[in-house]
Each structure stands twice: as structure tokens, then as C-alpha cells.
PDB file of N, CA and C in Angstrom:
ATOM      1  N   MET A   1       4.643  -7.124 -17.030  1.00  0.00           N
ATOM      2  CA  MET A   1       3.973  -8.000 -16.419  1.00  0.00           C
ATOM      3  C   MET A   1       2.764  -7.881 -16.292  1.00  0.00           C
ATOM      4  N   LYS A   2       2.129  -8.794 -16.297  1.00  0.00           N
ATOM      5  CA  LYS A   2       0.442  -9.087 -16.269  1.00  0.00           C
ATOM      6  C   LYS A   2      -0.246  -9.215 -14.883  1.00  0.00           C
ATOM      7  N   GLU A   3       0.507  -9.418 -13.826  1.00  0.00           N
ATOM      8  CA  GLU A   3      -0.448  -9.879 -13.025  1.00  0.00           C
ATOM      9  C   GLU A   3       0.613  -9.592 -11.559  1.00  0.00           C
ATOM     10  N   THR A   4       0.219  -9.291 -10.254  1.00  0.00           N
ATOM     11  CA  THR A   4       1.290  -9.186  -9.124  1.00  0.00           C
ATOM     12  C   THR A   4       0.326  -9.825  -7.774  1.00  0.00           C
ATOM     13  N   ILE A   5       0.769 -10.775  -7.589  1.00  0.00           N
ATOM     14  CA  ILE A   5      -0.030 -11.317  -5.854  1.00  0.00           C
ATOM     15  C   ILE A   5       0.454 -10.983  -4.818  1.00  0.00           C
ATOM     16  N   PHE A   6      -0.542 -10.142  -3.939  1.00  0.00           N
ATOM     17  CA  PHE A   6      -0.176  -9.873  -2.953  1.00  0.00           C
ATOM     18  C   PHE A   6      -0.614 -10.570  -1.395  1.00  0.00           C
ATOM     19  N   ILE A   7       0.314 -10.851  -0.727  1.00  0.00           N
ATOM     20  CA  ILE A   7      -0.368 -11.222   0.576  1.00  0.00           C
ATOM     21  C   ILE A   7      -0.628 -10.183   1.646  1.00  0.00           C
ATOM     22  N   VAL A   8      -1.991 -10.935   2.145  1.00  0.00           N
ATOM     23  CA  VAL A   8      -2.419  -9.944   3.121  1.00  0.00           C
ATOM     24  C   VAL A   8      -3.021 -10.420   4.297  1.00  0.00           C
ATOM     25  N   GLU A   9      -1.932  -9.601   5.590  1.00  0.00           N
ATOM     26  CA  GLU A   9      -2.328 -10.511   6.671  1.00  0.00           C
ATOM     27  C   GLU A   9      -2.498  -9.168   7.500  1.00  0.00           C
ATOM     28  N   GLU A  10      -3.224  -9.826   8.952  1.00  0.00           N
ATOM     29  CA  GLU A  10      -3.452  -8.690  10.066  1.00  0.00           C
ATOM     30  C   GLU A  10      -2.000  -8.706  10.945  1.00  0.00           C
ATOM     31  N   SER A  11      -1.570  -7.413  10.968  1.00  0.00           N
ATOM     32  CA  SER A  11      -0.363  -7.765  12.005  1.00  0.00           C
ATOM     33  C   SER A  11      -0.965  -7.514  13.384  1.00  0.00           C
ATOM     34  N   LEU A  12       0.149  -7.984  14.486  1.00  0.00           N
ATOM     35  CA  LEU A  12      -0.555  -8.147  15.903  1.00  0.00           C
ATOM     36  C   LEU A  12      -0.996  -6.344  16.246  1.00  0.00           C
ATOM     37  N   ASP A  13      -0.578  -5.777  15.980  1.00  0.00           N
ATOM     38  CA  ASP A  13      -0.984  -4.444  16.363  1.00  0.00           C
ATOM     39  C   ASP A  13      -1.818  -3.818  15.326  1.00  0.00           C
ATOM     40  N   GLY A  14      -2.762  -4.774  14.687  1.00  0.00           N
ATOM     41  CA  GLY A  14      -4.142  -4.583  14.031  1.00  0.00           C
ATOM     42  C   GLY A  14      -3.839  -3.864  12.517  1.00  0.00           C
ATOM     43  N   LEU A  15      -2.719  -3.480  12.617  1.00  0.00           N
ATOM     44  CA  LEU A  15      -2.594  -3.053  11.016  1.00  0.00           C
ATOM     45  C   LEU A  15      -2.704  -4.096   9.720  1.00  0.00           C
ATOM     46  N   HIS A  16      -3.136  -3.548   8.610  1.00  0.00           N
ATOM     47  CA  HIS A  16      -3.457  -4.674   7.691  1.00  0.00           C
ATOM     48  C   HIS A  16      -2.098  -4.573   6.647  1.00  0.00           C
ATOM     49  N   GLU A  17      -1.373  -5.594   6.818  1.00  0.00           N
ATOM     50  CA  GLU A  17      -0.133  -5.519   5.722  1.00  0.00           C
ATOM     51  C   GLU A  17       0.006  -6.347   4.420  1.00  0.00           C
ATOM     52  N   ALA A  18       0.726  -5.908   3.260  1.00  0.00           N
ATOM     53  CA  ALA A  18       0.656  -6.353   2.249  1.00  0.00           C
ATOM     54  C   ALA A  18       2.122  -6.357   1.534  1.00  0.00           C
ATOM     55  N   ARG A  19       2.548  -7.737   1.095  1.00  0.00           N
ATOM     56  CA  ARG A  19       3.892  -7.773   0.731  1.00  0.00           C
ATOM     57  C   ARG A  19       3.336  -8.791  -0.773  1.00  0.00           C
ATOM     58  N   ALA A  20       4.207  -8.179  -1.926  1.00  0.00           N
ATOM     59  CA  ALA A  20       4.255  -8.785  -2.687  1.00  0.00           C
ATOM     60  C   ALA A  20       4.988 -10.274  -3.040  1.00  0.00           C
ATOM     61  N   LEU A  21       4.501 -11.114  -3.849  1.00  0.00           N
ATOM     62  CA  LEU A  21       5.533 -12.281  -4.066  1.00  0.00           C
ATOM     63  C   LEU A  21       6.321 -12.228  -4.659  1.00  0.00           C
ATOM     64  N   GLU A  22       6.535 -11.599  -5.987  1.00  0.00           N
ATOM     65  CA  GLU A  22       7.417 -11.563  -7.020  1.00  0.00           C
ATOM     66  C   GLU A  22       8.097 -10.150  -6.869  1.00  0.00           C
ATOM     67  N   THR A  23       8.025  -9.265  -6.072  1.00  0.00           N
ATOM     68  CA  THR A  23       8.549  -7.948  -6.094  1.00  0.00           C
ATOM     69  C   THR A  23       8.992  -7.548  -4.733  1.00  0.00           C
ATOM     70  N   SER A  24       9.761  -6.533  -4.477  1.00  0.00           N
ATOM     71  CA  SER A  24      10.229  -6.249  -3.049  1.00  0.00           C
ATOM     72  C   SER A  24       9.033  -5.105  -2.875  1.00  0.00           C
ATOM     73  N   ILE A  25       7.741  -5.202  -2.835  1.00  0.00           N
ATOM     74  CA  ILE A  25       6.838  -4.167  -2.553  1.00  0.00           C
ATOM     75  C   ILE A  25       6.242  -4.788  -0.831  1.00  0.00           C
ATOM     76  N   PHE A  26       6.090  -3.914  -0.174  1.00  0.00           N
ATOM     77  CA  PHE A  26       5.425  -3.678   1.279  1.00  0.00           C
ATOM     78  C   PHE A  26       4.778  -2.562   1.590  1.00  0.00           C
ATOM     79  N   THR A  27       3.515  -2.884   1.708  1.00  0.00           N
ATOM     80  CA  THR A  27       3.056  -1.405   2.420  1.00  0.00           C
ATOM     81  C   THR A  27       1.951  -2.139   3.698  1.00  0.00           C
ATOM     82  N   GLU A  28       1.433  -0.992   4.347  1.00  0.00           N
ATOM     83  CA  GLU A  28       0.516  -1.413   5.325  1.00  0.00           C
ATOM     84  C   GLU A  28      -0.287  -0.122   5.461  1.00  0.00           C
ATOM     85  N   ALA A  29      -1.496  -0.522   6.366  1.00  0.00           N
ATOM     86  CA  ALA A  29      -2.485   0.487   6.493  1.00  0.00           C
ATOM     87  C   ALA A  29      -3.745   0.033   7.304  1.00  0.00           C
ATOM     88  N   ASP A  30      -4.244   1.193   8.087  1.00  0.00           N
ATOM     89  CA  ASP A  30      -5.171   0.828   9.155  1.00  0.00           C
ATOM     90  C   ASP A  30      -6.062  -0.061   8.750  1.00  0.00           C
ATOM     91  N   THR A  31      -6.778   0.317   7.304  1.00  0.00           N
ATOM     92  CA  THR A  31      -8.282  -0.401   6.919  1.00  0.00           C
ATOM     93  C   THR A  31      -7.940  -1.042   5.974  1.00  0.00           C
ATOM     94  N   LEU A  32      -8.777  -1.868   5.254  1.00  0.00           N
ATOM     95  CA  LEU A  32      -8.579  -2.740   4.021  1.00  0.00           C
ATOM     96  C   LEU A  32      -8.901  -1.766   2.666  1.00  0.00           C
ATOM     97  N   GLN A  33      -9.816  -0.663   2.718  1.00  0.00           N
ATOM     98  CA  GLN A  33      -9.645   0.388   1.899  1.00  0.00           C
ATOM     99  C   GLN A  33      -8.484   1.061   1.838  1.00  0.00           C
ATOM    100  N   GLU A  34      -7.784   1.079   2.863  1.00  0.00           N
ATOM    101  CA  GLU A  34      -6.616   2.487   2.601  1.00  0.00           C
ATOM    102  C   GLU A  34      -5.365   1.296   2.405  1.00  0.00           C
ATOM    103  N   LEU A  35      -5.651   0.055   2.596  1.00  0.00           N
ATOM    104  CA  LEU A  35      -4.298  -0.898   2.160  1.00  0.00           C
ATOM    105  C   LEU A  35      -4.401  -0.625   0.515  1.00  0.00           C
ATOM    106  N   LYS A  36      -5.609  -1.074  -0.176  1.00  0.00           N
ATOM    107  CA  LYS A  36      -5.777  -1.126  -1.645  1.00  0.00           C
ATOM    108  C   LYS A  36      -5.330   0.034  -2.319  1.00  0.00           C
ATOM    109  N   LYS A  37      -5.707   1.251  -1.405  1.00  0.00           N
ATOM    110  CA  LYS A  37      -4.993   2.201  -2.046  1.00  0.00           C
ATOM    111  C   LYS A  37      -3.352   2.681  -2.277  1.00  0.00           C
ATOM    112  N   SER A  38      -2.935   1.973  -0.598  1.00  0.00           N
ATOM    113  CA  SER A  38      -1.554   2.116  -0.539  1.00  0.00           C
ATOM    114  C   SER A  38      -0.834   1.162  -1.966  1.00  0.00           C
ATOM    115  N   ILE A  39      -1.421   0.040  -1.982  1.00  0.00           N
ATOM    116  CA  ILE A  39      -0.922  -0.965  -2.798  1.00  0.00           C
ATOM    117  C   ILE A  39      -0.755  -0.552  -4.326  1.00  0.00           C
ATOM    118  N   LYS A  40      -2.082   0.266  -4.472  1.00  0.00           N
ATOM    119  CA  LYS A  40      -1.658   1.039  -5.807  1.00  0.00           C
ATOM    120  C   LYS A  40      -0.766   2.155  -6.009  1.00  0.00           C
ATOM    121  N   ASP A  41      -0.430   2.448  -4.795  1.00  0.00           N
ATOM    122  CA  ASP A  41       0.260   3.535  -4.754  1.00  0.00           C
ATOM    123  C   ASP A  41       2.206   3.526  -5.179  1.00  0.00           C
ATOM    124  N   ALA A  42       2.191   2.287  -3.996  1.00  0.00           N
ATOM    125  CA  ALA A  42       3.248   1.472  -4.040  1.00  0.00           C
ATOM    126  C   ALA A  42       3.871   0.773  -5.259  1.00  0.00           C
ATOM    127  N   ALA A  43       2.568   0.141  -5.883  1.00  0.00           N
ATOM    128  CA  ALA A  43       3.288  -0.482  -7.433  1.00  0.00           C
ATOM    129  C   ALA A  43       3.600   0.936  -8.403  1.00  0.00           C
ATOM    130  N   ARG A  44       2.676   1.851  -8.331  1.00  0.00           N
ATOM    131  CA  ARG A  44       2.917   2.847  -9.216  1.00  0.00           C
ATOM    132  C   ARG A  44       4.459   3.390  -9.056  1.00  0.00           C
ATOM    133  N   TYR A  45       5.067   3.754  -7.463  1.00  0.00           N
ATOM    134  CA  TYR A  45       6.108   3.706  -7.343  1.00  0.00           C
ATOM    135  C   TYR A  45       7.448   2.875  -7.862  1.00  0.00           C
ATOM    136  N   HIS A  46       7.084   1.574  -7.581  1.00  0.00           N
ATOM    137  CA  HIS A  46       7.791   0.588  -7.915  1.00  0.00           C
ATOM    138  C   HIS A  46       8.053   0.420  -9.613  1.00  0.00           C
ATOM    139  N   PHE A  47       7.076   0.315 -10.118  1.00  0.00           N
ATOM    140  CA  PHE A  47       7.125  -0.221 -11.446  1.00  0.00           C
ATOM    141  C   PHE A  47       7.150   1.225 -12.676  1.00  0.00           C
ATOM    142  N   ASP A  48       7.372   1.075 -13.636  1.00  0.00           N
ATOM    143  CA  ASP A  48       7.262   2.169 -14.669  1.00  0.00           C
ATOM    144  C   ASP A  48       6.080   1.618 -15.494  1.00  0.00           C
ATOM    145  N   GLU A  49       5.733   2.811 -16.192  1.00  0.00           N
ATOM    146  CA  GLU A  49       4.339   2.439 -16.855  1.00  0.00           C
ATOM    147  C   GLU A  49       4.447   1.186 -17.938  1.00  0.00           C
ATOM    148  N   TYR A  50       5.512   1.116 -18.318  1.00  0.00           N
ATOM    149  CA  TYR A  50       5.710  -0.251 -19.427  1.00  0.00           C
ATOM    150  C   TYR A  50       5.195  -1.807 -18.547  1.00  0.00           C
ATOM    151  N   ASN A  51       5.698  -1.485 -17.267  1.00  0.00           N
ATOM    152  CA  ASN A  51       6.062  -3.026 -16.625  1.00  0.00           C
ATOM    153  C   ASN A  51       5.066  -3.185 -15.433  1.00  0.00           C
ATOM    154  N   ALA A  52       4.168  -2.065 -15.280  1.00  0.00           N
ATOM    155  CA  ALA A  52       3.364  -1.966 -14.509  1.00  0.00           C
ATOM    156  C   ALA A  52       2.325  -3.205 -14.368  1.00  0.00           C
ATOM    157  N   PRO A  53       1.849  -4.102 -13.396  1.00  0.00           N
ATOM    158  CA  PRO A  53       0.757  -5.082 -13.599  1.00  0.00           C
ATOM    159  C   PRO A  53      -0.826  -4.638 -13.829  1.00  0.00           C
ATOM    160  N   ARG A  54      -1.283  -5.376 -14.569  1.00  0.00           N
ATOM    161  CA  ARG A  54      -2.398  -4.909 -14.855  1.00  0.00           C
ATOM    162  C   ARG A  54      -3.650  -5.120 -13.966  1.00  0.00           C
ATOM    163  N   ILE A  55      -3.375  -6.414 -13.310  1.00  0.00           N
ATOM    164  CA  ILE A  55      -4.268  -6.961 -12.076  1.00  0.00           C
ATOM    165  C   ILE A  55      -3.186  -6.679 -10.918  1.00  0.00           C
ATOM    166  N   MET A  56      -3.697  -6.579  -9.721  1.00  0.00           N
ATOM    167  CA  MET A  56      -2.995  -6.842  -8.476  1.00  0.00           C
ATOM    168  C   MET A  56      -3.984  -7.599  -7.822  1.00  0.00           C
ATOM    169  N   ARG A  57      -3.635  -8.758  -7.791  1.00  0.00           N
ATOM    170  CA  ARG A  57      -4.312  -9.865  -6.723  1.00  0.00           C
ATOM    171  C   ARG A  57      -3.988  -9.897  -5.196  1.00  0.00           C
ATOM    172  N   LEU A  58      -5.054  -9.980  -4.500  1.00  0.00           N
ATOM    173  CA  LEU A  58      -4.912  -9.718  -2.767  1.00  0.00           C
ATOM    174  C   LEU A  58      -5.409 -10.972  -2.348  1.00  0.00           C
ATOM    175  N   HIS A  59      -4.334 -12.061  -1.689  1.00  0.00           N
ATOM    176  CA  HIS A  59      -4.758 -13.231  -1.059  1.00  0.00           C
ATOM    177  C   HIS A  59      -4.487 -12.878   0.536  1.00  0.00           C
ATOM    178  N   PHE A  60      -5.796 -13.188   0.921  1.00  0.00           N
ATOM    179  CA  PHE A  60      -5.851 -12.868   2.325  1.00  0.00           C
ATOM    180  C   PHE A  60      -5.560 -14.342   3.213  1.00  0.00           C
ATOM    181  N   ILE A  61      -4.649 -13.837   4.193  1.00  0.00           N
ATOM    182  CA  ILE A  61      -4.003 -15.240   5.220  1.00  0.00           C
ATOM    183  C   ILE A  61      -4.794 -14.925   6.580  1.00  0.00           C
ATOM    184  N   LYS A  62      -5.612 -15.969   6.951  1.00  0.00           N
ATOM    185  CA  LYS A  62      -6.199 -15.847   8.216  1.00  0.00           C
ATOM    186  C   LYS A  62      -6.033 -17.042   9.215  1.00  0.00           C
ATOM    187  N   ASP A  63      -5.013 -16.586  10.422  1.00  0.00           N
ATOM    188  CA  ASP A  63      -4.860 -17.444  11.336  1.00  0.00           C
ATOM    189  C   ASP A  63      -4.116 -19.088  10.810  1.00  0.00           C
ATOM    190  N   GLY A  64      -3.424 -18.871  10.110  1.00  0.00           N
ATOM    191  CA  GLY A  64      -2.460 -19.734   9.871  1.00  0.00           C
ATOM    192  C   GLY A  64      -2.085 -20.946  10.756  1.00  0.00           C
ATOM    193  N   VAL A  65      -2.197 -22.123  10.559  1.00  0.00           N
ATOM    194  CA  VAL A  65      -1.312 -23.033  11.473  1.00  0.00           C
ATOM    195  C   VAL A  65      -0.542 -24.005  10.671  1.00  0.00           C
ATOM    196  N   ILE A  66       0.619 -24.065  11.496  1.00  0.00           N
ATOM    197  CA  ILE A  66       1.678 -24.637  10.915  1.00  0.00           C
ATOM    198  C   ILE A  66       1.946 -26.112  11.794  1.00  0.00           C
ATOM    199  N   LEU A  67       2.032 -27.298  11.206  1.00  0.00           N
ATOM    200  CA  LEU A  67       2.246 -28.591  12.005  1.00  0.00           C
ATOM    201  C   LEU A  67       3.648 -28.841  11.912  1.00  0.00           C
ATOM    202  N   ASP A  68       4.453 -29.300  13.153  1.00  0.00           N
ATOM    203  CA  ASP A  68       5.939 -30.016  13.076  1.00  0.00           C
ATOM    204  C   ASP A  68       5.671 -31.144  12.216  1.00  0.00           C
ATOM    205  N   TRP A  69       6.847 -31.799  12.117  1.00  0.00           N
ATOM    206  CA  TRP A  69       7.194 -33.169  11.542  1.00  0.00           C
ATOM    207  C   TRP A  69       6.714 -34.225  12.658  1.00  0.00           C
ATOM    208  N   ASN A  70       6.077 -34.322  13.674  1.00  0.00           N
ATOM    209  CA  ASN A  70       5.406 -35.076  14.449  1.00  0.00           C
ATOM    210  C   ASN A  70       4.011 -34.801  14.636  1.00  0.00           C
ATOM    211  N   SER A  71       3.486 -34.004  13.646  1.00  0.00           N
ATOM    212  CA  SER A  71       1.844 -33.381  13.716  1.00  0.00           C
ATOM    213  C   SER A  71       1.450 -32.736  15.207  1.00  0.00           C
ATOM    214  N   HIS A  72       2.427 -31.913  16.033  1.00  0.00           N
ATOM    215  CA  HIS A  72       2.282 -31.367  16.784  1.00  0.00           C
ATOM    216  C   HIS A  72       1.937 -29.896  16.384  1.00  0.00           C
ATOM    217  N   VAL A  73       1.250 -29.123  17.076  1.00  0.00           N
ATOM    218  CA  VAL A  73       0.696 -27.828  16.641  1.00  0.00           C
ATOM    219  C   VAL A  73       1.902 -26.943  17.213  1.00  0.00           C
ATOM    220  N   ILE A  74       2.367 -26.075  16.722  1.00  0.00           N
ATOM    221  CA  ILE A  74       3.380 -24.870  16.887  1.00  0.00           C
ATOM    222  C   ILE A  74       2.946 -23.814  17.410  1.00  0.00           C
TER     223      ILE A  74
END
């Protein structure tokens, strides 16, 4: 695997959470620096050395808004 993408969001209690899109990796931490370390540790645990991603890309989600079919904010 060449790359794994993580979605990063801040939880309601202020923690930073990361979840991988194509694998079952989820982790959280108090700070972004701790989260990056936690992501690396979780990936090392999840993959063997031959299948580990070379790049772990973080996509940050901030205050997303979803509109319903009638264009009203939910």
C-alpha cells in the first residue's frame, strides 16, 4: 500500500480523532502532535512491514454543513 488517508476531526469533548478511509484504523489524542504519533503507532500495529503505507495523508474536517433535499440546513 502506497498511501493511507486519514480523516481528522475534533470531537465534541475537544479530542482530535483520526480514522482511515480504507482500513479499520481509528485513534484519538489531546493534541495534533500526539495524534500524528498515535496514527504512526496505530499503522505500525495494523500493517506488517511489507504492506505498511509509505505516506499517511491527513485530511482535516472543520465545521461541515449538510443540506437536506429542500436546501435547508440540518
